[in-house]
Amino acid sequence: MFCDDRCRNKHHNQLRKKPTLGDRAKHIQGVLIKNHRILNELLGGRKRLMIHRDQLLRRGFCFEIYSHQRVCRGLKWFYCLDIGYRKGGGGRVAVSHSDKAVGIFM
């Protein structure tokens, strides 16, 4: 079946090899992880928080990349995995931890 042990090992290693992310996907994953960390640190164990948009930007938060979005009571929420945020008045941002399961891995 195989010419030698080296060929057999190479064949089985290729079968077990995990697919890798492309450069763009790695960048997006990195931004999602950073955004999640920022929101989680700001929440500090609380369920909800109102914060000024500038405070998020100073920490390096990227509003353009998010994992998914939902509309709740007519308001569009953007999510970074299990933490949602939405624009409020006066440059403020509402941040809330969601109890709903997220079907995305980190």
N, C-alpha and C. Protein backbone atom coordinates (compact mmCIF):
# COMPACT_ATOMS: atom_id res chain seq x y z
N MET A 1 0.81 -1.19 0.00
CA MET A 1 0.00 0.00 0.00
C MET A 1 0.87 1.27 0.00
N PHE A 2 1.84 1.38 0.92
CA PHE A 2 2.78 2.50 0.96
C PHE A 2 4.17 1.98 0.66
N CYS A 3 4.98 2.82 0.01
CA CYS A 3 6.32 2.35 -0.36
C CYS A 3 7.22 2.16 0.85
N ASP A 4 7.04 2.98 1.91
CA ASP A 4 7.82 2.80 3.14
C ASP A 4 7.13 3.56 4.28
N ASP A 5 7.71 3.49 5.47
CA ASP A 5 7.12 4.15 6.65
C ASP A 5 7.04 5.66 6.48
N ARG A 6 8.04 6.24 5.84
CA ARG A 6 8.05 7.68 5.64
C ARG A 6 6.84 8.11 4.80
N CYS A 7 6.56 7.41 3.74
CA CYS A 7 5.40 7.73 2.88
C CYS A 7 4.10 7.54 3.64
N ARG A 8 4.01 6.48 4.42
CA ARG A 8 2.79 6.22 5.20
C ARG A 8 2.58 7.33 6.22
N ASN A 9 3.64 7.71 6.94
CA ASN A 9 3.53 8.79 7.94
C ASN A 9 3.14 10.11 7.29
N LYS A 10 3.76 10.41 6.16
CA LYS A 10 3.45 11.65 5.45
C LYS A 10 1.97 11.68 5.05
N HIS A 11 1.48 10.58 4.54
CA HIS A 11 0.08 10.48 4.12
C HIS A 11 -0.86 10.73 5.30
N HIS A 12 -0.62 10.07 6.42
CA HIS A 12 -1.50 10.20 7.58
C HIS A 12 -1.38 11.59 8.24
N ASN A 13 -0.20 12.16 8.22
CA ASN A 13 -0.02 13.51 8.76
C ASN A 13 -0.81 14.54 7.94
N GLN A 14 -0.82 14.36 6.63
CA GLN A 14 -1.59 15.27 5.78
C GLN A 14 -3.08 15.12 6.02
N LEU A 15 -3.55 13.93 6.30
CA LEU A 15 -4.96 13.71 6.59
C LEU A 15 -5.37 14.39 7.89
N ARG A 16 -4.48 14.40 8.87
CA ARG A 16 -4.78 15.00 10.18
C ARG A 16 -4.51 16.49 10.25
N LYS A 17 -3.85 17.02 9.24
CA LYS A 17 -3.48 18.43 9.25
C LYS A 17 -4.73 19.32 9.31
N LYS A 18 -4.73 20.26 10.26
CA LYS A 18 -5.86 21.16 10.40
C LYS A 18 -5.77 22.27 9.36
N PRO A 19 -6.90 22.68 8.82
CA PRO A 19 -6.86 23.79 7.88
C PRO A 19 -6.44 25.07 8.60
N THR A 20 -5.68 25.89 7.93
CA THR A 20 -5.21 27.14 8.54
C THR A 20 -6.00 28.31 7.97
N LEU A 21 -6.06 29.36 8.76
CA LEU A 21 -6.75 30.57 8.32
C LEU A 21 -5.86 31.37 7.39
N GLY A 22 -6.48 32.02 6.43
CA GLY A 22 -5.74 32.92 5.56
C GLY A 22 -5.39 34.19 6.32
N ASP A 23 -4.56 35.03 5.74
CA ASP A 23 -4.11 36.25 6.40
C ASP A 23 -5.26 37.17 6.78
N ARG A 24 -6.23 37.34 5.89
CA ARG A 24 -7.38 38.22 6.17
C ARG A 24 -8.22 37.68 7.33
N ALA A 25 -8.45 36.37 7.33
CA ALA A 25 -9.21 35.75 8.40
C ALA A 25 -8.48 35.86 9.74
N LYS A 26 -7.15 35.71 9.71
CA LYS A 26 -6.36 35.86 10.94
C LYS A 26 -6.47 37.28 11.48
N HIS A 27 -6.45 38.26 10.59
CA HIS A 27 -6.57 39.66 11.00
C HIS A 27 -7.93 39.90 11.65
N ILE A 28 -9.00 39.41 11.02
CA ILE A 28 -10.34 39.60 11.56
C ILE A 28 -10.48 38.90 12.91
N GLN A 29 -9.96 37.70 13.02
CA GLN A 29 -10.01 36.98 14.29
C GLN A 29 -9.27 37.75 15.37
N GLY A 30 -8.11 38.32 15.03
CA GLY A 30 -7.35 39.10 16.00
C GLY A 30 -8.10 40.33 16.46
N VAL A 31 -8.76 41.02 15.53
CA VAL A 31 -9.54 42.22 15.89
C VAL A 31 -10.72 41.83 16.78
N LEU A 32 -11.41 40.73 16.45
CA LEU A 32 -12.52 40.27 17.28
C LEU A 32 -12.06 39.95 18.70
N ILE A 33 -10.94 39.29 18.83
CA ILE A 33 -10.41 38.95 20.15
C ILE A 33 -10.06 40.21 20.92
N LYS A 34 -9.42 41.18 20.25
CA LYS A 34 -9.06 42.44 20.91
C LYS A 34 -10.31 43.20 21.33
N ASN A 35 -11.30 43.31 20.43
CA ASN A 35 -12.55 44.01 20.76
C ASN A 35 -13.24 43.34 21.94
N HIS A 36 -13.29 42.01 21.93
CA HIS A 36 -13.93 41.28 23.03
C HIS A 36 -13.22 41.56 24.35
N ARG A 37 -11.90 41.53 24.32
CA ARG A 37 -11.12 41.80 25.54
C ARG A 37 -11.41 43.20 26.07
N ILE A 38 -11.45 44.20 25.18
CA ILE A 38 -11.72 45.58 25.59
C ILE A 38 -13.10 45.69 26.24
N LEU A 39 -14.11 45.14 25.58
CA LEU A 39 -15.48 45.21 26.12
C LEU A 39 -15.59 44.47 27.44
N ASN A 40 -14.98 43.31 27.52
CA ASN A 40 -15.03 42.51 28.74
C ASN A 40 -14.35 43.23 29.91
N GLU A 41 -13.21 43.86 29.65
CA GLU A 41 -12.51 44.61 30.70
C GLU A 41 -13.36 45.78 31.18
N LEU A 42 -14.00 46.48 30.24
CA LEU A 42 -14.83 47.62 30.62
C LEU A 42 -16.06 47.19 31.42
N LEU A 43 -16.65 46.07 31.05
CA LEU A 43 -17.80 45.58 31.80
C LEU A 43 -17.41 45.19 33.23
N GLY A 44 -16.24 44.62 33.38
CA GLY A 44 -15.73 44.29 34.71
C GLY A 44 -16.70 43.48 35.56
N GLY A 45 -17.37 42.51 34.96
CA GLY A 45 -18.29 41.67 35.72
C GLY A 45 -19.73 42.18 35.73
N ARG A 46 -19.94 43.42 35.28
CA ARG A 46 -21.31 43.95 35.21
C ARG A 46 -22.03 43.39 34.00
N LYS A 47 -23.32 43.49 34.00
CA LYS A 47 -24.14 43.01 32.88
C LYS A 47 -24.24 44.07 31.78
N ARG A 48 -24.32 45.37 32.18
CA ARG A 48 -24.50 46.47 31.23
C ARG A 48 -23.63 47.66 31.60
N LEU A 49 -23.43 48.50 30.58
CA LEU A 49 -22.57 49.67 30.76
C LEU A 49 -22.87 50.68 29.66
N MET A 50 -22.83 51.96 30.01
CA MET A 50 -22.86 53.04 29.01
C MET A 50 -21.50 53.70 29.06
N ILE A 51 -20.90 53.88 27.90
CA ILE A 51 -19.56 54.44 27.81
C ILE A 51 -19.49 55.36 26.60
N HIS A 52 -18.60 56.33 26.65
CA HIS A 52 -18.45 57.22 25.51
C HIS A 52 -17.62 56.53 24.43
N ARG A 53 -18.02 56.74 23.21
CA ARG A 53 -17.37 56.13 22.03
C ARG A 53 -15.86 56.40 22.01
N ASP A 54 -15.45 57.58 22.41
CA ASP A 54 -14.03 57.94 22.40
C ASP A 54 -13.21 57.06 23.33
N GLN A 55 -13.79 56.62 24.44
CA GLN A 55 -13.06 55.75 25.36
C GLN A 55 -12.75 54.41 24.70
N LEU A 56 -13.68 53.92 23.90
CA LEU A 56 -13.43 52.68 23.17
C LEU A 56 -12.36 52.88 22.11
N LEU A 57 -12.45 53.97 21.38
CA LEU A 57 -11.48 54.24 20.31
C LEU A 57 -10.07 54.40 20.88
N ARG A 58 -9.94 55.06 22.03
CA ARG A 58 -8.62 55.24 22.65
C ARG A 58 -7.98 53.90 23.03
N ARG A 59 -8.80 52.92 23.34
CA ARG A 59 -8.29 51.60 23.69
C ARG A 59 -7.99 50.75 22.46
N GLY A 60 -8.34 51.26 21.28
CA GLY A 60 -8.06 50.54 20.04
C GLY A 60 -9.23 49.71 19.52
N PHE A 61 -10.44 49.99 20.01
CA PHE A 61 -11.63 49.26 19.57
C PHE A 61 -11.92 49.59 18.12
N CYS A 62 -12.28 48.56 17.33
CA CYS A 62 -12.60 48.73 15.92
C CYS A 62 -14.08 48.45 15.71
N PHE A 63 -14.85 49.51 15.40
CA PHE A 63 -16.30 49.37 15.23
C PHE A 63 -16.67 48.69 13.91
N GLU A 64 -15.77 48.63 12.97
CA GLU A 64 -16.08 48.08 11.65
C GLU A 64 -16.12 46.55 11.61
N ILE A 65 -15.51 45.90 12.60
CA ILE A 65 -15.46 44.44 12.59
C ILE A 65 -16.22 43.91 13.79
N TYR A 66 -17.20 43.05 13.52
CA TYR A 66 -18.00 42.43 14.57
C TYR A 66 -18.40 41.04 14.10
N SER A 67 -18.79 40.19 15.03
CA SER A 67 -19.10 38.80 14.67
C SER A 67 -20.49 38.64 14.06
N HIS A 68 -21.47 39.38 14.57
CA HIS A 68 -22.83 39.31 14.05
C HIS A 68 -23.63 40.49 14.57
N GLN A 69 -24.87 40.62 14.09
CA GLN A 69 -25.73 41.70 14.56
C GLN A 69 -27.15 41.18 14.75
N ARG A 70 -27.88 41.85 15.63
CA ARG A 70 -29.29 41.51 15.89
C ARG A 70 -30.07 42.80 16.06
N VAL A 71 -31.36 42.72 15.78
CA VAL A 71 -32.25 43.84 16.04
C VAL A 71 -33.14 43.44 17.22
N CYS A 72 -33.12 44.25 18.24
CA CYS A 72 -33.90 44.00 19.44
C CYS A 72 -34.70 45.25 19.77
N ARG A 73 -36.01 45.14 19.76
CA ARG A 73 -36.90 46.27 20.02
C ARG A 73 -36.59 47.46 19.12
N GLY A 74 -36.32 47.16 17.86
CA GLY A 74 -36.06 48.19 16.87
C GLY A 74 -34.66 48.80 16.91
N LEU A 75 -33.81 48.31 17.80
CA LEU A 75 -32.44 48.83 17.91
C LEU A 75 -31.45 47.80 17.39
N LYS A 76 -30.52 48.24 16.56
CA LYS A 76 -29.52 47.33 15.98
C LYS A 76 -28.35 47.20 16.95
N TRP A 77 -28.10 45.97 17.37
CA TRP A 77 -26.98 45.62 18.24
C TRP A 77 -25.91 44.91 17.41
N PHE A 78 -24.68 45.31 17.61
CA PHE A 78 -23.53 44.65 16.99
C PHE A 78 -22.86 43.82 18.07
N TYR A 79 -22.42 42.64 17.71
CA TYR A 79 -21.85 41.73 18.70
C TYR A 79 -20.41 41.40 18.41
N CYS A 80 -19.68 41.29 19.49
CA CYS A 80 -18.34 40.75 19.47
C CYS A 80 -18.44 39.47 20.27
N LEU A 81 -18.83 38.41 19.59
CA LEU A 81 -19.12 37.10 20.18
C LEU A 81 -20.29 37.23 21.15
N ASP A 82 -20.07 37.20 22.46
CA ASP A 82 -21.17 37.22 23.42
C ASP A 82 -21.41 38.58 24.06
N ILE A 83 -20.72 39.61 23.60
CA ILE A 83 -20.91 40.96 24.14
C ILE A 83 -21.42 41.87 23.03
N GLY A 84 -22.56 42.51 23.28
CA GLY A 84 -23.17 43.37 22.29
C GLY A 84 -22.97 44.84 22.61
N TYR A 85 -23.04 45.66 21.56
CA TYR A 85 -22.96 47.11 21.75
C TYR A 85 -23.84 47.78 20.70
N ARG A 86 -24.34 48.96 21.07
CA ARG A 86 -25.14 49.74 20.13
C ARG A 86 -24.87 51.21 20.37
N LYS A 87 -25.09 51.99 19.31
CA LYS A 87 -24.88 53.43 19.42
C LYS A 87 -26.03 54.06 20.19
N GLY A 88 -25.67 54.97 21.06
CA GLY A 88 -26.66 55.73 21.81
C GLY A 88 -26.53 57.20 21.45
N GLY A 89 -27.24 58.04 22.15
CA GLY A 89 -27.17 59.47 21.88
C GLY A 89 -25.93 60.11 22.49
N GLY A 90 -25.52 61.21 21.92
CA GLY A 90 -24.40 61.98 22.46
C GLY A 90 -23.06 61.27 22.40
N GLY A 91 -22.87 60.40 21.41
CA GLY A 91 -21.59 59.71 21.28
C GLY A 91 -21.40 58.59 22.28
N ARG A 92 -22.46 58.22 22.97
CA ARG A 92 -22.35 57.15 23.95
C ARG A 92 -22.67 55.80 23.30
N VAL A 93 -22.15 54.76 23.91
CA VAL A 93 -22.33 53.40 23.41
C VAL A 93 -22.83 52.54 24.58
N ALA A 94 -23.91 51.81 24.35
CA ALA A 94 -24.41 50.86 25.33
C ALA A 94 -23.71 49.53 25.09
N VAL A 95 -23.24 48.92 26.16
CA VAL A 95 -22.55 47.63 26.09
C VAL A 95 -23.29 46.67 27.00
N SER A 96 -23.53 45.46 26.51
CA SER A 96 -24.28 44.49 27.30
C SER A 96 -23.77 43.08 27.03
N HIS A 97 -23.66 42.31 28.09
CA HIS A 97 -23.26 40.91 27.96
C HIS A 97 -24.49 40.09 27.66
N SER A 98 -24.41 39.23 26.65
CA SER A 98 -25.54 38.39 26.24
C SER A 98 -25.41 36.99 26.82
N ASP A 99 -26.54 36.46 27.27
CA ASP A 99 -26.55 35.09 27.79
C ASP A 99 -26.76 34.07 26.69
N LYS A 100 -27.12 34.52 25.49
CA LYS A 100 -27.37 33.61 24.38
C LYS A 100 -26.06 33.00 23.90
N ALA A 101 -26.12 31.73 23.56
CA ALA A 101 -24.94 31.03 23.09
C ALA A 101 -24.53 31.57 21.71
N VAL A 102 -23.24 31.61 21.49
CA VAL A 102 -22.70 32.09 20.23
C VAL A 102 -22.08 30.90 19.50
N GLY A 103 -22.45 30.72 18.26
CA GLY A 103 -21.94 29.60 17.48
C GLY A 103 -20.67 29.90 16.74
N ILE A 104 -19.77 30.66 17.35
CA ILE A 104 -18.51 31.05 16.72
C ILE A 104 -17.38 30.70 17.69
N PHE A 105 -16.32 30.15 17.20
CA PHE A 105 -15.21 29.80 18.07
C PHE A 105 -14.16 30.90 18.05
N MET A 106 -13.35 30.93 19.11
CA MET A 106 -12.24 31.90 19.18
C MET A 106 -10.94 31.16 19.10
